[in-house]
Amino acid sequence: MMVTDLRRCRLSELRRRALQRRATEVKLSSEEEEQLLRNLEKKETEYMRLQTHKIGIDDFELLTLIGKGAFGENVLVKLNYDEFDLF
């Protein structure tokens, strides 16, 4: 999880630098460049908000019942959108 967050941060920084580079190439004024960077930040924030999705029971597919106990059941499940991870 932490690696994914670091990767997102790094990609966000790379996008910001690329935008700054393009802004200097086309010789935008500092006000226009600041406006572009503010818009990028808003878009990045919206993207991060959409990426944070709380996982619920509907996100899993029940594979098999492992056992029952006094406090509940242990089941093997698979994420609906991931082919390889079993929980």
PDB file of N, CA and C in Angstrom:
ATOM      1  N   MET A   1       0.823  -1.194   0.000  1.00  0.00           N
ATOM      2  CA  MET A   1       0.000   0.000   0.000  1.00  0.00           C
ATOM      3  C   MET A   1       0.867   1.258   0.000  1.00  0.00           C
ATOM      4  N   MET A   2       1.905   1.272   0.831  1.00  0.00           N
ATOM      5  CA  MET A   2       2.759   2.437   0.912  1.00  0.00           C
ATOM      6  C   MET A   2       3.527   2.657  -0.393  1.00  0.00           C
ATOM      7  N   VAL A   3       3.930   1.575  -1.044  1.00  0.00           N
ATOM      8  CA  VAL A   3       4.633   1.679  -2.316  1.00  0.00           C
ATOM      9  C   VAL A   3       3.735   2.340  -3.354  1.00  0.00           C
ATOM     10  N   THR A   4       2.468   1.952  -3.365  1.00  0.00           N
ATOM     11  CA  THR A   4       1.514   2.532  -4.307  1.00  0.00           C
ATOM     12  C   THR A   4       1.362   4.028  -4.060  1.00  0.00           C
ATOM     13  N   ASP A   5       1.278   4.427  -2.791  1.00  0.00           N
ATOM     14  CA  ASP A   5       1.157   5.848  -2.466  1.00  0.00           C
ATOM     15  C   ASP A   5       2.396   6.615  -2.897  1.00  0.00           C
ATOM     16  N   LEU A   6       3.577   6.022  -2.684  1.00  0.00           N
ATOM     17  CA  LEU A   6       4.811   6.676  -3.111  1.00  0.00           C
ATOM     18  C   LEU A   6       4.866   6.799  -4.621  1.00  0.00           C
ATOM     19  N   ARG A   7       4.405   5.767  -5.320  1.00  0.00           N
ATOM     20  CA  ARG A   7       4.394   5.805  -6.781  1.00  0.00           C
ATOM     21  C   ARG A   7       3.448   6.893  -7.277  1.00  0.00           C
ATOM     22  N   ARG A   8       2.290   7.013  -6.652  1.00  0.00           N
ATOM     23  CA  ARG A   8       1.342   8.059  -7.043  1.00  0.00           C
ATOM     24  C   ARG A   8       1.939   9.439  -6.826  1.00  0.00           C
ATOM     25  N   CYS A   9       2.620   9.605  -5.697  1.00  0.00           N
ATOM     26  CA  CYS A   9       3.261  10.887  -5.393  1.00  0.00           C
ATOM     27  C   CYS A   9       4.316  11.207  -6.440  1.00  0.00           C
ATOM     28  N   ARG A  10       5.118  10.227  -6.772  1.00  0.00           N
ATOM     29  CA  ARG A  10       6.193  10.416  -7.753  1.00  0.00           C
ATOM     30  C   ARG A  10       5.608  10.760  -9.127  1.00  0.00           C
ATOM     31  N   LEU A  11       4.558  10.055  -9.532  1.00  0.00           N
ATOM     32  CA  LEU A  11       3.927  10.332 -10.826  1.00  0.00           C
ATOM     33  C   LEU A  11       3.310  11.726 -10.851  1.00  0.00           C
ATOM     34  N   SER A  12       2.718  12.115  -9.736  1.00  0.00           N
ATOM     35  CA  SER A  12       2.139  13.450  -9.637  1.00  0.00           C
ATOM     36  C   SER A  12       3.223  14.512  -9.791  1.00  0.00           C
ATOM     37  N   GLU A  13       4.363  14.299  -9.133  1.00  0.00           N
ATOM     38  CA  GLU A  13       5.473  15.244  -9.247  1.00  0.00           C
ATOM     39  C   GLU A  13       6.017  15.295 -10.673  1.00  0.00           C
ATOM     40  N   LEU A  14       6.091  14.146 -11.340  1.00  0.00           N
ATOM     41  CA  LEU A  14       6.557  14.118 -12.725  1.00  0.00           C
ATOM     42  C   LEU A  14       5.606  14.873 -13.651  1.00  0.00           C
ATOM     43  N   ARG A  15       4.306  14.720 -13.431  1.00  0.00           N
ATOM     44  CA  ARG A  15       3.332  15.467 -14.239  1.00  0.00           C
ATOM     45  C   ARG A  15       3.466  16.969 -14.013  1.00  0.00           C
ATOM     46  N   ARG A  16       3.697  17.353 -12.758  1.00  0.00           N
ATOM     47  CA  ARG A  16       3.860  18.770 -12.436  1.00  0.00           C
ATOM     48  C   ARG A  16       5.097  19.342 -13.134  1.00  0.00           C
ATOM     49  N   ARG A  17       6.207  18.628 -13.070  1.00  0.00           N
ATOM     50  CA  ARG A  17       7.436  19.104 -13.718  1.00  0.00           C
ATOM     51  C   ARG A  17       7.274  19.190 -15.231  1.00  0.00           C
ATOM     52  N   ALA A  18       6.585  18.211 -15.821  1.00  0.00           N
ATOM     53  CA  ALA A  18       6.356  18.230 -17.268  1.00  0.00           C
ATOM     54  C   ALA A  18       5.511  19.443 -17.651  1.00  0.00           C
ATOM     55  N   LEU A  19       4.507  19.751 -16.849  1.00  0.00           N
ATOM     56  CA  LEU A  19       3.667  20.915 -17.129  1.00  0.00           C
ATOM     57  C   LEU A  19       4.476  22.207 -17.003  1.00  0.00           C
ATOM     58  N   GLN A  20       5.323  22.287 -15.986  1.00  0.00           N
ATOM     59  CA  GLN A  20       6.167  23.469 -15.829  1.00  0.00           C
ATOM     60  C   GLN A  20       7.126  23.616 -17.014  1.00  0.00           C
ATOM     61  N   ARG A  21       7.683  22.497 -17.459  1.00  0.00           N
ATOM     62  CA  ARG A  21       8.600  22.525 -18.600  1.00  0.00           C
ATOM     63  C   ARG A  21       7.882  23.021 -19.852  1.00  0.00           C
ATOM     64  N   ARG A  22       6.669  22.495 -20.084  1.00  0.00           N
ATOM     65  CA  ARG A  22       5.911  22.927 -21.263  1.00  0.00           C
ATOM     66  C   ARG A  22       5.533  24.400 -21.181  1.00  0.00           C
ATOM     67  N   ALA A  23       5.208  24.850 -19.959  1.00  0.00           N
ATOM     68  CA  ALA A  23       4.830  26.252 -19.780  1.00  0.00           C
ATOM     69  C   ALA A  23       6.002  27.178 -20.102  1.00  0.00           C
ATOM     70  N   THR A  24       7.205  26.786 -19.720  1.00  0.00           N
ATOM     71  CA  THR A  24       8.365  27.623 -20.048  1.00  0.00           C
ATOM     72  C   THR A  24       8.696  27.545 -21.529  1.00  0.00           C
ATOM     73  N   GLU A  25       8.450  26.399 -22.161  1.00  0.00           N
ATOM     74  CA  GLU A  25       8.721  26.266 -23.595  1.00  0.00           C
ATOM     75  C   GLU A  25       7.843  27.190 -24.423  1.00  0.00           C
ATOM     76  N   VAL A  26       6.574  27.320 -24.025  1.00  0.00           N
ATOM     77  CA  VAL A  26       5.670  28.197 -24.780  1.00  0.00           C
ATOM     78  C   VAL A  26       5.669  29.621 -24.233  1.00  0.00           C
ATOM     79  N   LYS A  27       6.528  29.864 -23.244  1.00  0.00           N
ATOM     80  CA  LYS A  27       6.741  31.200 -22.687  1.00  0.00           C
ATOM     81  C   LYS A  27       5.465  31.826 -22.142  1.00  0.00           C
ATOM     82  N   LEU A  28       4.815  31.087 -21.230  1.00  0.00           N
ATOM     83  CA  LEU A  28       3.640  31.629 -20.542  1.00  0.00           C
ATOM     84  C   LEU A  28       4.090  32.589 -19.456  1.00  0.00           C
ATOM     85  N   SER A  29       3.234  33.532 -19.130  1.00  0.00           N
ATOM     86  CA  SER A  29       3.546  34.444 -18.033  1.00  0.00           C
ATOM     87  C   SER A  29       3.482  33.671 -16.714  1.00  0.00           C
ATOM     88  N   SER A  30       4.062  34.254 -15.685  1.00  0.00           N
ATOM     89  CA  SER A  30       4.080  33.566 -14.390  1.00  0.00           C
ATOM     90  C   SER A  30       2.659  33.384 -13.839  1.00  0.00           C
ATOM     91  N   GLU A  31       1.762  34.322 -14.107  1.00  0.00           N
ATOM     92  CA  GLU A  31       0.375  34.204 -13.649  1.00  0.00           C
ATOM     93  C   GLU A  31      -0.326  33.035 -14.350  1.00  0.00           C
ATOM     94  N   GLU A  32      -0.088  32.932 -15.663  1.00  0.00           N
ATOM     95  CA  GLU A  32      -0.706  31.827 -16.415  1.00  0.00           C
ATOM     96  C   GLU A  32      -0.153  30.478 -15.966  1.00  0.00           C
ATOM     97  N   GLU A  33       1.148  30.449 -15.689  1.00  0.00           N
ATOM     98  CA  GLU A  33       1.769  29.214 -15.221  1.00  0.00           C
ATOM     99  C   GLU A  33       1.212  28.817 -13.850  1.00  0.00           C
ATOM    100  N   GLU A  34       1.059  29.791 -12.965  1.00  0.00           N
ATOM    101  CA  GLU A  34       0.482  29.515 -11.646  1.00  0.00           C
ATOM    102  C   GLU A  34      -0.942  28.987 -11.767  1.00  0.00           C
ATOM    103  N   GLN A  35      -1.722  29.571 -12.683  1.00  0.00           N
ATOM    104  CA  GLN A  35      -3.098  29.108 -12.898  1.00  0.00           C
ATOM    105  C   GLN A  35      -3.107  27.667 -13.398  1.00  0.00           C
ATOM    106  N   LEU A  36      -2.210  27.346 -14.324  1.00  0.00           N
ATOM    107  CA  LEU A  36      -2.107  25.964 -14.823  1.00  0.00           C
ATOM    108  C   LEU A  36      -1.761  24.998 -13.693  1.00  0.00           C
ATOM    109  N   LEU A  37      -0.822  25.397 -12.850  1.00  0.00           N
ATOM    110  CA  LEU A  37      -0.420  24.528 -11.737  1.00  0.00           C
ATOM    111  C   LEU A  37      -1.543  24.365 -10.719  1.00  0.00           C
ATOM    112  N   ARG A  38      -2.316  25.422 -10.474  1.00  0.00           N
ATOM    113  CA  ARG A  38      -3.470  25.306  -9.576  1.00  0.00           C
ATOM    114  C   ARG A  38      -4.513  24.351 -10.146  1.00  0.00           C
ATOM    115  N   ASN A  39      -4.750  24.457 -11.461  1.00  0.00           N
ATOM    116  CA  ASN A  39      -5.704  23.542 -12.104  1.00  0.00           C
ATOM    117  C   ASN A  39      -5.222  22.096 -12.030  1.00  0.00           C
ATOM    118  N   LEU A  40      -3.921  21.897 -12.236  1.00  0.00           N
ATOM    119  CA  LEU A  40      -3.358  20.556 -12.127  1.00  0.00           C
ATOM    120  C   LEU A  40      -3.551  20.011 -10.718  1.00  0.00           C
ATOM    121  N   GLU A  41      -3.296  20.847  -9.722  1.00  0.00           N
ATOM    122  CA  GLU A  41      -3.456  20.418  -8.329  1.00  0.00           C
ATOM    123  C   GLU A  41      -4.901  20.026  -8.029  1.00  0.00           C
ATOM    124  N   LYS A  42      -5.848  20.801  -8.562  1.00  0.00           N
ATOM    125  CA  LYS A  42      -7.267  20.469  -8.365  1.00  0.00           C
ATOM    126  C   LYS A  42      -7.607  19.126  -9.009  1.00  0.00           C
ATOM    127  N   LYS A  43      -7.086  18.900 -10.214  1.00  0.00           N
ATOM    128  CA  LYS A  43      -7.339  17.645 -10.907  1.00  0.00           C
ATOM    129  C   LYS A  43      -6.696  16.475 -10.177  1.00  0.00           C
ATOM    130  N   GLU A  44      -5.478  16.668  -9.651  1.00  0.00           N
ATOM    131  CA  GLU A  44      -4.801  15.611  -8.892  1.00  0.00           C
ATOM    132  C   GLU A  44      -5.593  15.274  -7.630  1.00  0.00           C
ATOM    133  N   THR A  45      -6.100  16.297  -6.947  1.00  0.00           N
ATOM    134  CA  THR A  45      -6.889  16.081  -5.740  1.00  0.00           C
ATOM    135  C   THR A  45      -8.160  15.298  -6.058  1.00  0.00           C
ATOM    136  N   GLU A  46      -8.833  15.680  -7.123  1.00  0.00           N
ATOM    137  CA  GLU A  46     -10.055  14.977  -7.533  1.00  0.00           C
ATOM    138  C   GLU A  46      -9.747  13.533  -7.900  1.00  0.00           C
ATOM    139  N   TYR A  47      -8.641  13.304  -8.589  1.00  0.00           N
ATOM    140  CA  TYR A  47      -8.235  11.954  -8.966  1.00  0.00           C
ATOM    141  C   TYR A  47      -7.975  11.106  -7.721  1.00  0.00           C
ATOM    142  N   MET A  48      -7.263  11.665  -6.751  1.00  0.00           N
ATOM    143  CA  MET A  48      -6.968  10.929  -5.516  1.00  0.00           C
ATOM    144  C   MET A  48      -8.252  10.619  -4.759  1.00  0.00           C
ATOM    145  N   ARG A  49      -9.194  11.545  -4.751  1.00  0.00           N
ATOM    146  CA  ARG A  49     -10.464  11.321  -4.070  1.00  0.00           C
ATOM    147  C   ARG A  49     -11.212  10.162  -4.716  1.00  0.00           C
ATOM    148  N   LEU A  50     -11.187  10.107  -6.036  1.00  0.00           N
ATOM    149  CA  LEU A  50     -11.865   9.022  -6.738  1.00  0.00           C
ATOM    150  C   LEU A  50     -11.151   7.685  -6.547  1.00  0.00           C
ATOM    151  N   GLN A  51      -9.835   7.716  -6.340  1.00  0.00           N
ATOM    152  CA  GLN A  51      -9.068   6.484  -6.167  1.00  0.00           C
ATOM    153  C   GLN A  51      -9.275   5.853  -4.794  1.00  0.00           C
ATOM    154  N   THR A  52      -9.600   6.666  -3.792  1.00  0.00           N
ATOM    155  CA  THR A  52      -9.795   6.122  -2.448  1.00  0.00           C
ATOM    156  C   THR A  52     -11.204   5.567  -2.359  1.00  0.00           C
ATOM    157  N   HIS A  53     -11.299   4.282  -2.459  1.00  0.00           N
ATOM    158  CA  HIS A  53     -12.578   3.585  -2.436  1.00  0.00           C
ATOM    159  C   HIS A  53     -12.566   2.631  -1.251  1.00  0.00           C
ATOM    160  N   LYS A  54     -13.551   2.742  -0.378  1.00  0.00           N
ATOM    161  CA  LYS A  54     -13.621   1.836   0.760  1.00  0.00           C
ATOM    162  C   LYS A  54     -14.090   0.462   0.288  1.00  0.00           C
ATOM    163  N   ILE A  55     -13.388  -0.538   0.741  1.00  0.00           N
ATOM    164  CA  ILE A  55     -13.716  -1.904   0.347  1.00  0.00           C
ATOM    165  C   ILE A  55     -14.854  -2.417   1.225  1.00  0.00           C
ATOM    166  N   GLY A  56     -15.835  -3.022   0.597  1.00  0.00           N
ATOM    167  CA  GLY A  56     -16.962  -3.605   1.308  1.00  0.00           C
ATOM    168  C   GLY A  56     -17.109  -5.071   0.941  1.00  0.00           C
ATOM    169  N   ILE A  57     -18.082  -5.709   1.526  1.00  0.00           N
ATOM    170  CA  ILE A  57     -18.299  -7.138   1.296  1.00  0.00           C
ATOM    171  C   ILE A  57     -18.658  -7.429  -0.158  1.00  0.00           C
ATOM    172  N   ASP A  58     -19.259  -6.466  -0.829  1.00  0.00           N
ATOM    173  CA  ASP A  58     -19.639  -6.659  -2.232  1.00  0.00           C
ATOM    174  C   ASP A  58     -18.432  -6.690  -3.172  1.00  0.00           C
ATOM    175  N   ASP A  59     -17.272  -6.252  -2.680  1.00  0.00           N
ATOM    176  CA  ASP A  59     -16.063  -6.242  -3.499  1.00  0.00           C
ATOM    177  C   ASP A  59     -15.369  -7.602  -3.539  1.00  0.00           C
ATOM    178  N   PHE A  60     -15.883  -8.578  -2.804  1.00  0.00           N
ATOM    179  CA  PHE A  60     -15.250  -9.894  -2.713  1.00  0.00           C
ATOM    180  C   PHE A  60     -16.166 -10.994  -3.235  1.00  0.00           C
ATOM    181  N   GLU A  61     -15.534 -12.028  -3.732  1.00  0.00           N
ATOM    182  CA  GLU A  61     -16.240 -13.234  -4.162  1.00  0.00           C
ATOM    183  C   GLU A  61     -15.881 -14.353  -3.187  1.00  0.00           C
ATOM    184  N   LEU A  62     -16.885 -14.989  -2.595  1.00  0.00           N
ATOM    185  CA  LEU A  62     -16.667 -16.082  -1.653  1.00  0.00           C
ATOM    186  C   LEU A  62     -16.209 -17.321  -2.413  1.00  0.00           C
ATOM    187  N   LEU A  63     -15.042 -17.865  -2.019  1.00  0.00           N
ATOM    188  CA  LEU A  63     -14.523 -19.065  -2.680  1.00  0.00           C
ATOM    189  C   LEU A  63     -14.848 -20.320  -1.884  1.00  0.00           C
ATOM    190  N   THR A  64     -14.525 -20.315  -0.602  1.00  0.00           N
ATOM    191  CA  THR A  64     -14.811 -21.493   0.220  1.00  0.00           C
ATOM    192  C   THR A  64     -14.847 -21.119   1.697  1.00  0.00           C
ATOM    193  N   LEU A  65     -15.618 -21.862   2.456  1.00  0.00           N
ATOM    194  CA  LEU A  65     -15.683 -21.694   3.906  1.00  0.00           C
ATOM    195  C   LEU A  65     -14.544 -22.495   4.514  1.00  0.00           C
ATOM    196  N   ILE A  66     -13.690 -21.827   5.271  1.00  0.00           N
ATOM    197  CA  ILE A  66     -12.549 -22.499   5.885  1.00  0.00           C
ATOM    198  C   ILE A  66     -12.948 -23.093   7.232  1.00  0.00           C
ATOM    199  N   GLY A  67     -13.695 -22.352   8.006  1.00  0.00           N
ATOM    200  CA  GLY A  67     -14.110 -22.866   9.313  1.00  0.00           C
ATOM    201  C   GLY A  67     -15.071 -21.923  10.003  1.00  0.00           C
ATOM    202  N   LYS A  68     -15.744 -22.455  11.035  1.00  0.00           N
ATOM    203  CA  LYS A  68     -16.674 -21.665  11.835  1.00  0.00           C
ATOM    204  C   LYS A  68     -16.176 -21.653  13.268  1.00  0.00           C
ATOM    205  N   GLY A  69     -16.376 -20.533  13.926  1.00  0.00           N
ATOM    206  CA  GLY A  69     -15.975 -20.412  15.322  1.00  0.00           C
ATOM    207  C   GLY A  69     -17.034 -19.674  16.107  1.00  0.00           C
ATOM    208  N   ALA A  70     -16.731 -19.417  17.352  1.00  0.00           N
ATOM    209  CA  ALA A  70     -17.680 -18.740  18.234  1.00  0.00           C
ATOM    210  C   ALA A  70     -17.918 -17.289  17.811  1.00  0.00           C
ATOM    211  N   PHE A  71     -16.945 -16.689  17.149  1.00  0.00           N
ATOM    212  CA  PHE A  71     -17.065 -15.288  16.784  1.00  0.00           C
ATOM    213  C   PHE A  71     -17.388 -15.057  15.319  1.00  0.00           C
ATOM    214  N   GLY A  72     -17.544 -16.119  14.537  1.00  0.00           N
ATOM    215  CA  GLY A  72     -17.865 -15.926  13.131  1.00  0.00           C
ATOM    216  C   GLY A  72     -17.281 -17.013  12.264  1.00  0.00           C
ATOM    217  N   GLU A  73     -17.232 -16.723  10.970  1.00  0.00           N
ATOM    218  CA  GLU A  73     -16.737 -17.686   9.987  1.00  0.00           C
ATOM    219  C   GLU A  73     -15.440 -17.193   9.376  1.00  0.00           C
ATOM    220  N   ASN A  74     -14.596 -18.140   9.003  1.00  0.00           N
ATOM    221  CA  ASN A  74     -13.388 -17.838   8.234  1.00  0.00           C
ATOM    222  C   ASN A  74     -13.622 -18.341   6.819  1.00  0.00           C
ATOM    223  N   VAL A  75     -13.479 -17.420   5.861  1.00  0.00           N
ATOM    224  CA  VAL A  75     -13.728 -17.794   4.475  1.00  0.00           C
ATOM    225  C   VAL A  75     -12.561 -17.350   3.605  1.00  0.00           C
ATOM    226  N   LEU A  76     -12.354 -18.075   2.536  1.00  0.00           N
ATOM    227  CA  LEU A  76     -11.370 -17.693   1.530  1.00  0.00           C
ATOM    228  C   LEU A  76     -12.118 -16.901   0.473  1.00  0.00           C
ATOM    229  N   VAL A  77     -11.644 -15.687   0.212  1.00  0.00           N
ATOM    230  CA  VAL A  77     -12.323 -14.804  -0.735  1.00  0.00           C
ATOM    231  C   VAL A  77     -11.325 -14.274  -1.748  1.00  0.00           C
ATOM    232  N   LYS A  78     -11.856 -13.749  -2.835  1.00  0.00           N
ATOM    233  CA  LYS A  78     -11.058 -13.147  -3.896  1.00  0.00           C
ATOM    234  C   LYS A  78     -11.681 -11.800  -4.214  1.00  0.00           C
ATOM    235  N   LEU A  79     -10.821 -10.790  -4.421  1.00  0.00           N
ATOM    236  CA  LEU A  79     -11.326  -9.488  -4.858  1.00  0.00           C
ATOM    237  C   LEU A  79     -11.955  -9.635  -6.236  1.00  0.00           C
ATOM    238  N   ASN A  80     -13.079  -9.017  -6.461  1.00  0.00           N
ATOM    239  CA  ASN A  80     -13.775  -9.128  -7.746  1.00  0.00           C
ATOM    240  C   ASN A  80     -12.953  -8.569  -8.895  1.00  0.00           C
ATOM    241  N   TYR A  81     -12.149  -7.540  -8.654  1.00  0.00           N
ATOM    242  CA  TYR A  81     -11.408  -6.895  -9.730  1.00  0.00           C
ATOM    243  C   TYR A  81      -9.934  -7.279  -9.746  1.00  0.00           C
ATOM    244  N   ASP A  82      -9.556  -8.309  -9.009  1.00  0.00           N
ATOM    245  CA  ASP A  82      -8.155  -8.749  -8.988  1.00  0.00           C
ATOM    246  C   ASP A  82      -8.119 -10.258  -9.141  1.00  0.00           C
ATOM    247  N   GLU A  83      -7.398 -10.741 -10.145  1.00  0.00           N
ATOM    248  CA  GLU A  83      -7.391 -12.159 -10.450  1.00  0.00           C
ATOM    249  C   GLU A  83      -6.505 -12.991  -9.524  1.00  0.00           C
ATOM    250  N   PHE A  84      -5.495 -12.371  -8.898  1.00  0.00           N
ATOM    251  CA  PHE A  84      -4.455 -13.144  -8.256  1.00  0.00           C
ATOM    252  C   PHE A  84      -4.472 -13.145  -6.742  1.00  0.00           C
ATOM    253  N   ASP A  85      -4.945 -12.086  -6.094  1.00  0.00           N
ATOM    254  CA  ASP A  85      -4.871 -12.002  -4.645  1.00  0.00           C
ATOM    255  C   ASP A  85      -6.047 -12.722  -3.988  1.00  0.00           C
ATOM    256  N   LEU A  86      -5.711 -13.617  -3.082  1.00  0.00           N
ATOM    257  CA  LEU A  86      -6.716 -14.307  -2.273  1.00  0.00           C
ATOM    258  C   LEU A  86      -6.546 -13.843  -0.838  1.00  0.00           C
ATOM    259  N   PHE A  87      -7.667 -13.712  -0.121  1.00  0.00           N
ATOM    260  CA  PHE A  87      -7.641 -13.260   1.269  1.00  0.00           C
ATOM    261  C   PHE A  87      -8.395 -14.242   2.138  1.00  0.00           C
TER     262      PHE A  87
END
